[in-house]
Amino acid sequence: MVNVNGTYLVTAGFPTGAEGSTNFIRILKKEQIEYYVDFAI
């Protein structure tokens, strides 16, 4: 469950599972989380 009042750090990378491959980092704040939660419903 996502707490819409929280702040989240999202990381991803390619190739998946390869150490040191993180090439995407994003901080999601309250306003952005509310947007994505509303979008998913």
N, C-alpha and C. Protein backbone atom coordinates (compact mmCIF):
# COMPACT_ATOMS: atom_id res chain seq x y z
N MET A 1 0.84 -1.17 0.00
CA MET A 1 0.00 0.00 0.00
C MET A 1 0.89 1.25 0.00
N VAL A 2 0.48 2.24 -0.73
CA VAL A 2 1.24 3.48 -0.84
C VAL A 2 0.63 4.53 0.09
N ASN A 3 1.46 5.15 0.90
CA ASN A 3 1.03 6.25 1.76
C ASN A 3 1.19 7.53 0.95
N VAL A 4 0.07 8.16 0.58
CA VAL A 4 0.14 9.35 -0.26
C VAL A 4 0.78 10.54 0.44
N ASN A 5 0.98 10.48 1.73
CA ASN A 5 1.65 11.56 2.45
C ASN A 5 3.16 11.33 2.56
N GLY A 6 3.63 10.22 2.05
CA GLY A 6 5.05 9.89 2.14
C GLY A 6 5.83 10.39 0.94
N THR A 7 7.13 10.26 1.02
CA THR A 7 8.03 10.54 -0.09
C THR A 7 8.75 9.24 -0.41
N TYR A 8 8.85 8.91 -1.69
CA TYR A 8 9.42 7.64 -2.10
C TYR A 8 10.57 7.86 -3.08
N LEU A 9 11.55 6.99 -2.99
CA LEU A 9 12.67 6.98 -3.92
C LEU A 9 12.52 5.76 -4.80
N VAL A 10 12.41 5.98 -6.10
CA VAL A 10 12.24 4.89 -7.06
C VAL A 10 13.54 4.72 -7.82
N THR A 11 14.03 3.48 -7.88
CA THR A 11 15.24 3.20 -8.65
C THR A 11 14.96 2.07 -9.63
N ALA A 12 15.61 2.13 -10.76
CA ALA A 12 15.48 1.08 -11.77
C ALA A 12 16.73 1.07 -12.62
N GLY A 13 16.90 0.03 -13.38
CA GLY A 13 18.06 -0.03 -14.26
C GLY A 13 17.95 -1.13 -15.29
N PHE A 14 18.80 -1.06 -16.26
CA PHE A 14 18.87 -2.08 -17.31
C PHE A 14 20.33 -2.37 -17.59
N PRO A 15 20.74 -3.57 -17.68
CA PRO A 15 19.96 -4.80 -17.63
C PRO A 15 19.53 -5.14 -16.20
N THR A 16 18.34 -5.70 -16.08
CA THR A 16 17.77 -6.05 -14.79
C THR A 16 18.63 -7.10 -14.09
N GLY A 17 18.87 -6.88 -12.82
CA GLY A 17 19.61 -7.85 -12.02
C GLY A 17 21.11 -7.73 -12.09
N ALA A 18 21.62 -6.84 -12.91
CA ALA A 18 23.07 -6.66 -13.03
C ALA A 18 23.53 -5.61 -12.02
N GLU A 19 24.47 -5.96 -11.18
CA GLU A 19 24.97 -5.04 -10.18
C GLU A 19 25.55 -3.79 -10.84
N GLY A 20 25.19 -2.64 -10.31
CA GLY A 20 25.72 -1.38 -10.83
C GLY A 20 24.99 -0.85 -12.06
N SER A 21 23.84 -1.43 -12.38
CA SER A 21 23.15 -1.01 -13.61
C SER A 21 22.05 0.03 -13.37
N THR A 22 21.95 0.57 -12.15
CA THR A 22 20.92 1.57 -11.87
C THR A 22 21.20 2.83 -12.69
N ASN A 23 20.27 3.16 -13.57
CA ASN A 23 20.45 4.35 -14.38
C ASN A 23 19.21 5.24 -14.37
N PHE A 24 18.31 4.97 -13.42
CA PHE A 24 17.11 5.77 -13.27
C PHE A 24 16.83 5.92 -11.78
N ILE A 25 16.80 7.15 -11.30
CA ILE A 25 16.48 7.44 -9.91
C ILE A 25 15.49 8.60 -9.91
N ARG A 26 14.40 8.43 -9.17
CA ARG A 26 13.39 9.49 -9.13
C ARG A 26 12.83 9.59 -7.72
N ILE A 27 12.66 10.81 -7.24
CA ILE A 27 12.04 11.06 -5.95
C ILE A 27 10.60 11.48 -6.23
N LEU A 28 9.65 10.73 -5.64
CA LEU A 28 8.24 11.06 -5.80
C LEU A 28 7.74 11.70 -4.51
N LYS A 29 7.24 12.91 -4.64
CA LYS A 29 6.68 13.63 -3.49
C LYS A 29 5.16 13.49 -3.49
N LYS A 30 4.54 14.02 -2.46
CA LYS A 30 3.11 13.86 -2.23
C LYS A 30 2.26 14.16 -3.48
N GLU A 31 2.50 15.28 -4.13
CA GLU A 31 1.68 15.68 -5.27
C GLU A 31 1.80 14.67 -6.42
N GLN A 32 2.99 14.15 -6.64
CA GLN A 32 3.19 13.19 -7.71
C GLN A 32 2.56 11.84 -7.37
N ILE A 33 2.67 11.43 -6.12
CA ILE A 33 2.08 10.16 -5.71
C ILE A 33 0.56 10.23 -5.85
N GLU A 34 -0.03 11.35 -5.43
CA GLU A 34 -1.48 11.51 -5.57
C GLU A 34 -1.89 11.40 -7.03
N TYR A 35 -1.12 11.95 -7.95
CA TYR A 35 -1.42 11.87 -9.38
C TYR A 35 -1.42 10.42 -9.85
N TYR A 36 -0.37 9.66 -9.50
CA TYR A 36 -0.27 8.29 -9.96
C TYR A 36 -1.29 7.38 -9.30
N VAL A 37 -1.63 7.63 -8.04
CA VAL A 37 -2.65 6.82 -7.38
C VAL A 37 -4.01 7.08 -8.04
N ASP A 38 -4.33 8.33 -8.31
CA ASP A 38 -5.59 8.65 -8.99
C ASP A 38 -5.62 8.06 -10.39
N PHE A 39 -4.50 8.03 -11.08
CA PHE A 39 -4.40 7.51 -12.43
C PHE A 39 -4.62 6.01 -12.45
N ALA A 40 -4.18 5.31 -11.43
CA ALA A 40 -4.26 3.85 -11.38
C ALA A 40 -5.65 3.34 -11.03
N ILE A 41 -6.49 4.21 -10.48
CA ILE A 41 -7.83 3.77 -10.05
C ILE A 41 -8.78 3.69 -11.24
